[in-house]
Protein backbone atom coordinates (compact mmCIF):
# COMPACT_ATOMS: atom_id res chain seq x y z
CA MET A 1 136.37 121.99 293.89
CA HIS A 2 139.97 123.04 293.23
CA ARG A 3 142.79 120.73 292.19
CA ILE A 4 146.32 120.65 293.60
CA GLU A 5 148.97 119.55 291.09
CA THR A 6 152.76 119.45 290.78
CA THR A 7 155.13 118.29 288.03
CA GLN A 8 155.35 114.77 289.46
CA SER A 9 154.00 113.81 292.82
CA ILE A 10 154.01 110.96 295.27
CA VAL A 11 151.03 111.20 297.61
CA VAL A 12 150.94 109.24 300.85
CA VAL A 13 147.51 108.82 302.41
CA GLY A 14 147.71 108.45 306.19
CA CYS A 15 149.91 109.65 309.02
CA GLY A 16 150.30 106.48 311.07
CA PHE A 17 153.41 104.33 311.28
CA ALA A 18 153.17 103.12 307.68
CA GLY A 19 152.33 106.55 306.28
CA LEU A 20 155.10 108.34 308.16
CA TRP A 21 157.78 105.88 307.08
CA SER A 22 156.48 105.73 303.51
CA ALA A 23 156.94 109.49 303.21
CA LEU A 24 160.40 109.35 304.80
CA GLY A 25 161.40 106.37 302.66
CA ALA A 26 160.46 108.17 299.46
CA ALA A 27 162.21 111.37 300.55
CA ARG A 28 165.34 109.35 301.37
CA LEU A 29 165.63 107.76 297.93
CA LEU A 30 164.98 111.02 296.11
CA ASP A 31 167.68 112.66 298.21
CA LYS A 32 170.07 109.78 297.57
CA VAL A 33 169.76 109.94 293.79
CA GLY A 34 169.76 113.73 293.77
CA ALA A 35 166.24 114.14 292.42
CA ASP A 36 165.13 117.76 292.15
CA ALA A 37 162.38 118.45 294.69
CA ARG A 38 160.86 120.90 292.23
CA SER A 39 160.17 118.08 289.79
CA ILE A 40 159.20 115.27 292.20
CA GLU A 41 157.28 116.11 295.34
CA VAL A 42 156.49 113.87 298.27
CA ALA A 43 153.25 114.91 299.95
CA LEU A 44 151.42 113.36 302.86
CA ILE A 45 147.72 113.98 303.46
CA ALA A 46 146.08 113.34 306.81
CA PRO A 47 143.64 115.10 309.15
CA GLU A 48 146.51 116.32 311.36
CA PRO A 49 150.33 116.16 311.26
CA VAL A 50 150.59 113.94 314.31
CA LEU A 51 151.64 110.35 314.89
CA HIS A 52 149.15 108.80 317.30
CA LEU A 53 150.92 106.10 319.27
CA ARG A 54 148.06 103.66 319.04
CA THR A 55 150.04 100.86 320.66
CA ARG A 56 150.11 102.87 323.90
CA LEU A 57 146.43 103.77 324.16
CA HIS A 58 145.82 101.11 326.83
CA GLU A 59 147.94 103.23 329.19
CA ALA A 60 146.83 106.16 331.32
CA ALA A 61 146.82 109.70 329.86
CA PRO A 62 146.22 108.66 326.23
CA LEU A 63 146.13 112.26 325.03
CA SER A 64 149.88 112.38 325.66
CA MET A 65 150.48 109.41 323.34
CA ARG A 66 151.14 111.49 320.24
CA ALA A 67 154.14 112.98 318.48
CA PRO A 68 154.07 116.12 316.30
CA LEU A 69 155.42 115.64 312.78
CA LEU A 70 155.50 119.05 311.08
CA PRO A 71 159.10 119.87 312.10
CA LEU A 72 160.20 116.46 310.80
CA PHE A 73 158.34 116.89 307.50
CA GLU A 74 159.84 120.34 307.04
CA ALA A 75 163.34 119.00 307.74
CA VAL A 76 163.16 116.25 305.13
CA GLY A 77 161.14 118.13 302.50
CA VAL A 78 157.81 116.30 302.76
CA ARG A 79 154.80 118.53 302.12
CA TYR A 80 152.00 118.07 304.61
CA ILE A 81 148.46 118.58 303.32
CA GLN A 82 145.68 118.87 305.87
CA GLY A 83 142.69 116.83 304.79
CA ARG A 84 140.69 113.69 305.13
CA VAL A 85 140.60 111.56 301.99
CA GLU A 86 137.08 110.41 301.20
CA ARG A 87 137.49 108.93 297.74
CA ILE A 88 140.28 107.45 295.66
CA ARG A 89 139.87 107.61 291.87
CA ALA A 90 142.74 105.46 290.69
CA GLY A 91 141.74 105.76 287.04
CA ALA A 92 142.00 109.55 287.24
CA HIS A 93 145.13 109.49 289.46
CA ALA A 94 143.39 111.67 292.02
CA VAL A 95 141.90 111.63 295.50
CA ASP A 96 138.98 113.69 296.78
CA ALA A 97 139.44 115.11 300.25
CA VAL A 98 137.88 117.49 302.77
CA ASP A 99 139.86 120.02 304.80
CA ALA A 100 139.31 121.14 308.40
CA ARG A 101 136.70 123.70 307.31
CA GLY A 102 134.70 121.15 305.38
CA ARG A 103 135.87 122.36 301.98
CA GLN A 104 136.31 119.74 299.30
CA PHE A 105 139.39 119.57 297.13
CA GLU A 106 141.00 117.25 294.62
CA LEU A 107 144.61 116.14 294.90
CA GLY A 108 146.29 114.69 291.84
CA TYR A 109 149.14 112.20 291.98
CA ASP A 110 151.49 110.23 289.78
CA LYS A 111 152.06 107.57 292.44
CA LEU A 112 149.97 106.84 295.52
CA VAL A 113 150.80 105.06 298.77
CA LEU A 114 147.70 104.03 300.68
CA ALA A 115 148.60 103.82 304.36
CA SER A 116 145.34 104.80 306.04
CA GLY A 117 145.47 102.10 308.69
CA SER A 118 142.64 100.16 310.29
CA ARG A 119 139.61 100.66 312.47
CA LEU A 120 138.04 98.62 315.23
CA HIS A 121 135.32 96.34 313.92
CA ARG A 122 132.02 97.05 315.66
CA PRO A 123 129.28 94.63 314.62
CA ASP A 124 125.61 95.58 314.61
CA LEU A 125 125.08 94.51 318.21
CA PRO A 126 122.31 96.04 320.37
CA GLY A 127 123.78 98.82 322.50
CA LEU A 128 127.37 98.37 321.36
CA HIS A 129 127.77 101.70 319.58
CA ASP A 130 126.04 103.66 322.35
CA HIS A 131 127.36 102.07 325.52
CA ALA A 132 130.71 100.34 324.93
CA TYR A 133 134.06 102.09 325.17
CA SER A 134 137.19 101.38 323.14
CA ILE A 135 140.84 102.40 322.86
CA ASP A 136 141.00 102.18 319.07
CA GLN A 137 141.58 105.89 318.48
CA THR A 138 143.05 108.56 320.73
CA ASP A 139 139.75 110.37 321.29
CA GLU A 140 138.07 107.09 322.23
CA ALA A 141 140.82 106.20 324.69
CA ALA A 142 140.57 109.70 326.17
CA ALA A 143 136.81 109.27 326.62
CA LEU A 144 137.46 106.05 328.54
CA ASP A 145 140.07 107.80 330.67
CA LEU A 146 137.56 110.53 331.56
CA HIS A 147 134.91 107.91 332.28
CA PHE A 148 137.16 106.21 334.83
CA ALA A 149 137.93 109.55 336.49
CA ARG A 150 134.21 110.30 336.83
CA LEU A 151 133.52 106.85 338.26
CA ALA A 152 135.98 107.63 341.04
CA ASP A 153 133.43 110.15 342.41
CA LYS A 154 130.61 107.61 342.45
CA PRO A 155 129.73 105.22 345.29
CA ALA A 156 131.54 101.90 345.16
CA THR A 157 129.10 99.31 343.83
CA VAL A 158 129.55 96.01 342.07
CA ALA A 159 128.76 97.65 338.72
CA ARG A 160 131.11 100.59 339.28
CA ASN A 161 133.95 98.30 340.30
CA THR A 162 133.50 95.88 337.38
CA VAL A 163 135.10 96.29 333.97
CA VAL A 164 134.37 93.84 331.17
CA VAL A 165 136.85 93.67 328.32
CA VAL A 166 135.37 92.01 325.24
CA GLY A 167 138.03 90.28 323.18
CA GLY A 168 140.77 88.14 324.66
CA GLY A 169 143.38 88.86 322.00
CA PHE A 170 146.54 90.97 322.14
CA THR A 171 144.77 94.27 322.80
CA GLY A 172 142.24 92.87 325.24
CA ILE A 173 144.93 91.21 327.35
CA GLU A 174 147.02 94.38 327.47
CA VAL A 175 144.00 96.49 328.40
CA ALA A 176 142.85 94.14 331.17
CA SER A 177 146.37 93.81 332.60
CA GLU A 178 147.03 97.55 332.64
CA LEU A 179 143.64 98.44 334.17
CA VAL A 180 144.43 96.74 337.44
CA GLY A 181 147.03 99.34 338.36
CA ARG A 182 145.23 102.25 336.71
CA LEU A 183 141.99 101.70 338.59
CA ARG A 184 143.65 101.11 341.96
CA ALA A 185 145.48 104.41 341.53
CA LEU A 186 142.17 106.15 340.78
CA TRP A 187 139.83 104.39 343.17
CA GLY A 188 142.13 103.41 346.01
CA GLY A 189 144.06 100.23 346.74
CA ALA A 190 141.27 98.75 348.83
CA ALA A 191 138.62 98.92 346.10
CA PRO A 192 137.32 95.43 345.20
CA ILE A 193 138.01 95.82 341.49
CA ARG A 194 136.86 93.06 339.14
CA ILE A 195 138.15 92.88 335.60
CA GLU A 196 136.82 90.18 333.31
CA LEU A 197 137.84 89.20 329.80
CA ILE A 198 135.30 87.68 327.44
CA GLU A 199 136.61 85.63 324.52
CA GLN A 200 134.54 83.78 321.95
CA ALA A 201 137.27 81.21 321.21
CA ALA A 202 138.05 78.15 323.29
CA GLU A 203 141.44 79.57 324.32
CA LEU A 204 142.62 82.90 325.61
CA GLY A 205 144.67 84.75 323.01
CA PRO A 206 143.66 82.49 320.12
CA ASP A 207 145.95 84.29 317.65
CA ILE A 208 148.86 84.45 320.07
CA GLY A 209 149.40 80.70 320.12
CA PRO A 210 150.11 78.08 322.78
CA ALA A 211 153.73 78.91 323.64
CA MET A 212 152.93 82.18 325.41
CA ARG A 213 149.55 81.21 326.83
CA PRO A 214 150.62 79.59 330.15
CA THR A 215 152.64 82.65 331.12
CA ILE A 216 149.84 85.01 330.14
CA GLU A 217 147.26 83.04 332.11
CA ASN A 218 149.53 82.90 335.15
CA ALA A 219 150.09 86.67 334.99
CA LEU A 220 146.35 87.37 334.71
CA ARG A 221 145.63 85.14 337.69
CA GLU A 222 148.23 86.94 339.81
CA LEU A 223 146.77 90.28 338.74
CA GLY A 224 143.27 89.10 339.64
CA VAL A 225 141.88 89.24 336.09
CA ALA A 226 139.19 86.66 335.32
CA TRP A 227 138.14 85.40 331.89
CA ARG A 228 135.33 83.52 330.18
CA LEU A 229 135.89 81.46 327.05
CA ASN A 230 133.48 80.19 324.40
CA THR A 231 131.38 83.26 325.14
CA THR A 232 130.01 86.04 322.96
CA VAL A 233 128.06 89.19 323.76
CA SER A 234 124.44 89.57 322.64
CA ALA A 235 123.72 93.08 323.97
CA VAL A 236 125.34 96.00 325.81
CA ASP A 237 123.54 98.56 327.98
CA PRO A 238 124.61 101.46 330.24
CA HIS A 239 125.18 99.18 333.22
CA GLY A 240 126.47 95.94 331.79
CA LEU A 241 125.98 93.33 329.14
CA THR A 242 124.22 90.09 328.35
CA THR A 243 126.13 87.11 327.02
CA SER A 244 124.96 84.78 324.29
CA ASP A 245 123.97 82.14 326.85
CA GLY A 246 121.72 84.60 328.70
CA ARG A 247 124.03 85.49 331.59
CA ARG A 248 123.96 89.04 332.85
CA ILE A 249 127.11 90.91 333.97
CA GLU A 250 126.60 94.13 335.89
CA ALA A 251 129.33 96.58 334.85
CA ASP A 252 129.47 100.34 334.39
CA THR A 253 132.34 99.86 331.95
CA VAL A 254 132.38 97.62 328.88
CA ILE A 255 135.43 97.91 326.61
CA TRP A 256 135.24 96.47 323.10
CA THR A 257 138.53 95.26 321.60
CA ALA A 258 137.28 92.44 319.35
CA GLY A 259 138.91 92.73 315.96
CA LEU A 260 140.31 95.22 313.43
CA ARG A 261 139.41 95.85 309.80
CA ALA A 262 141.36 97.67 307.11
CA ASP A 263 140.33 101.28 306.55
CA ALA A 264 137.39 101.63 304.16
CA LEU A 265 139.56 103.38 301.55
CA ALA A 266 141.13 100.00 300.75
CA ALA A 267 137.79 98.88 299.32
CA GLN A 268 138.01 101.65 296.71
CA ILE A 269 141.13 100.14 295.14
CA GLU A 270 140.65 97.39 292.59
CA GLY A 271 142.16 94.08 293.61
CA PRO A 272 141.69 91.05 295.88
CA ARG A 273 141.39 91.55 299.62
CA ASP A 274 141.55 89.22 302.60
CA ARG A 275 138.84 88.73 305.23
CA LEU A 276 140.10 91.82 307.09
CA GLY A 277 139.77 94.00 304.00
CA ARG A 278 143.53 94.21 303.35
CA LEU A 279 144.73 94.54 299.78
CA HIS A 280 146.94 91.80 298.41
CA VAL A 281 150.21 93.41 297.31
CA THR A 282 153.20 92.24 295.30
CA ASP A 283 156.71 91.82 296.70
CA ASP A 284 157.41 95.51 296.09
CA LEU A 285 154.12 96.45 297.82
CA GLN A 286 152.25 97.50 294.68
CA VAL A 287 148.62 96.65 294.12
CA ALA A 288 148.90 94.52 290.98
CA GLN A 289 145.62 95.73 289.47
CA CYS A 290 146.62 99.39 290.03
CA PRO A 291 150.31 99.67 289.12
CA ASP A 292 150.61 103.28 290.31
CA VAL A 293 149.18 102.45 293.75
CA PHE A 294 151.19 101.01 296.61
CA ALA A 295 149.79 99.92 299.98
CA ALA A 296 151.47 99.56 303.36
CA GLY A 297 150.56 98.92 306.96
CA ASP A 298 147.16 97.69 308.07
CA VAL A 299 145.58 98.10 304.61
CA ALA A 300 148.06 95.68 302.99
CA LEU A 301 148.61 91.93 303.09
CA ALA A 302 152.20 91.11 302.16
CA LEU A 303 154.54 88.16 302.46
CA THR A 304 157.22 88.74 305.07
CA ASP A 305 159.52 85.87 304.08
CA GLY A 306 159.90 82.82 301.88
CA ASP A 307 158.12 80.55 304.35
CA GLY A 308 154.60 81.79 303.68
CA HIS A 309 154.21 84.17 306.63
CA HIS A 310 152.17 87.30 306.05
CA THR A 311 152.15 90.67 307.73
CA LEU A 312 150.02 91.32 310.78
CA MET A 313 148.20 94.49 311.74
CA SER A 314 151.04 95.73 313.94
CA CYS A 315 153.39 98.70 314.10
CA GLN A 316 156.26 96.20 313.82
CA HIS A 317 155.25 95.43 310.24
CA ALA A 318 153.79 98.85 309.40
CA ARG A 319 157.03 100.70 310.12
CA MET A 320 159.14 98.44 307.92
CA MET A 321 156.53 98.18 305.16
CA GLY A 322 156.47 101.96 305.05
CA ARG A 323 160.22 102.15 304.49
CA PHE A 324 159.99 99.69 301.59
CA ALA A 325 156.86 101.24 300.08
CA GLY A 326 158.43 104.70 300.19
CA HIS A 327 161.63 103.49 298.57
CA ASN A 328 159.80 101.55 295.88
CA VAL A 329 157.25 104.21 294.98
CA ALA A 330 160.08 106.71 294.48
CA ALA A 331 162.13 104.12 292.59
CA THR A 332 159.45 103.93 289.90
CA LEU A 333 159.95 107.63 289.16
CA VAL A 334 163.75 107.77 289.19
CA GLY A 335 164.59 104.48 287.48
CA VAL A 336 166.07 102.72 290.50
CA PRO A 337 165.37 99.00 291.05
CA ALA A 338 162.66 98.19 293.57
CA LEU A 339 163.49 96.26 296.72
CA PRO A 340 161.32 93.25 297.58
CA TYR A 341 159.79 93.70 301.01
CA ARG A 342 161.13 91.12 303.43
CA GLN A 343 160.93 91.09 307.22
CA PRO A 344 161.78 87.56 308.33
CA ASN A 345 162.44 88.36 311.98
CA TYR A 346 159.29 88.47 314.07
CA VAL A 347 158.99 89.24 317.77
CA THR A 348 156.10 89.63 320.19
CA CYS A 349 156.28 91.73 323.34
CA LEU A 350 153.04 91.71 325.28
CA ASP A 351 152.49 94.19 328.12
CA LEU A 352 151.06 92.59 331.26
CA GLY A 353 150.70 95.65 333.46
CA ALA A 354 152.24 95.58 336.92
CA TRP A 355 153.13 91.91 336.49
CA GLY A 356 155.65 92.75 333.76
CA ALA A 357 155.58 91.54 330.17
CA ILE A 358 156.36 88.54 327.98
CA HIS A 359 158.77 88.59 325.05
CA SER A 360 158.90 85.94 322.35
CA GLU A 361 160.77 85.47 319.09
CA GLY A 362 159.84 83.80 315.83
CA TRP A 363 156.50 82.88 314.31
CA GLY A 364 156.25 80.01 316.78
CA ARG A 365 156.48 82.68 319.51
CA GLU A 366 159.18 80.96 321.53
CA VAL A 367 159.26 82.68 324.91
CA LYS A 368 162.65 84.28 325.58
CA PHE A 369 162.06 86.19 328.79
CA VAL A 370 159.24 87.33 331.03
CA GLY A 371 158.51 89.66 333.94
CA ALA A 372 160.69 92.69 334.62
CA LYS A 373 163.23 91.92 331.87
CA ALA A 374 160.51 91.73 329.23
CA LYS A 375 158.89 94.84 330.69
CA ALA A 376 162.12 96.78 330.12
CA VAL A 377 162.06 95.72 326.46
CA LYS A 378 158.41 96.73 326.16
CA ARG A 379 159.17 100.07 327.75
CA PHE A 380 162.00 100.69 325.28
CA ILE A 381 159.70 99.81 322.36
CA ASN A 382 156.86 102.00 323.58
CA THR A 383 158.85 105.03 324.70
CA ASP A 384 161.73 105.05 322.23
CA LEU A 385 161.75 102.65 319.28
CA ILE A 386 158.33 103.48 317.81
CA TYR A 387 158.68 107.27 318.10
CA PRO A 388 159.52 109.25 314.96
CA PRO A 389 163.08 110.44 314.47
CA ALA A 390 164.15 113.92 315.48
CA PRO A 391 163.74 116.67 312.85
CA ASP A 392 167.33 116.31 311.68
CA ARG A 393 167.42 115.77 307.92
CA ALA A 394 170.44 113.49 307.68
CA ALA A 395 169.50 111.34 310.66
CA ALA A 396 165.84 111.07 309.69
CA LEU A 397 166.62 110.04 306.12
CA ALA A 398 169.16 107.50 307.34
CA ALA A 399 166.51 106.01 309.63
CA ALA A 400 164.23 105.52 306.60
CA ASP A 401 166.61 103.10 304.90
CA PRO A 402 164.60 99.90 304.27
CA MET A 403 167.77 97.82 304.69
CA ARG A 404 168.36 99.26 308.16
CA PRO A 405 168.14 96.61 310.91
CA PRO A 406 164.52 96.55 312.18
CA GLY A 407 165.51 97.00 315.83
CA ALA A 408 167.82 99.95 315.20
CA ARG A 409 166.99 103.18 316.96
CA ASN A 410 165.59 106.01 314.85
């Protein structure tokens, strides 16, 4: 095993929203204070230099929901290292990784930003791993896309025309809403498509809250999406599933969306974690028990304001946390004061397929507008706001300013 070292190094683990903006945030501060790149290096390690637009994987053509990052990294002076981190040894200030050829290597660091994201939680349920689809990762969403295309060549039966989406939260609602139009485009407008949401809670969208629920339920009804509450799944098979109360649903497609968990690397860092496996971090996004380790995005639990609200597993929080984490990790090396992470403004924009969307503001999720107007906002978010900046050094570094308004374009 060989070891990669530099004079001083900041290593960012992960290439999602939090990882990308952590690297840019660190590069920005080093550029601002005139730090010599030969003495302090910002490196990002991930399996590929691509931002997967995970928030768009419920749409058709998921393989197109990705943005290349190498030109951007080259423009701002971030070194990309191809590899998958398998072990973090905080005491040794090193990570163990594997490259594309399966070769192991060790990467040393002075400061680390863990931004490796989250994964869909799949419980040990009979048939779930073998027969259920998901949109958690790009390859999984692509497999579902191919599955739907193949079903188009099969005879129309109740099972072929039925899709069960397990999990009536944010992702499940967006998936179910979008599938109505996607499947009619594939299978023909006259196909008797049935899409059903299964939710274990007593209310649809239990984490979304009551303010948005009437609009969501009305949209689903108009789209023809059904739902069952107070229901769990006991088994999945190639042609359907069985619910906890013994009911059988014939369906050639079962999509699992029920719950995320922090990436397993978070468990290798010493410190308290929440029920989702996220590391508790200080105001400057450090892990208190590991002062040279910062965490951002879905692996971190941070306060967003002075009212006790905490970050959610969302790109809205990951992008801003990355900016702060990058600034603060670099600040520790150049003697600049850290900035306490704060993101008091919170919005929700839920895609409801052909019906439109719903946009709310604040932690009480007060509905501001719905339908086509909200859909235009959602389209701007998904096709513009969340994309990485162009590979222009000055513009990209300016976009990484943690004090930049959260809704500003990159």
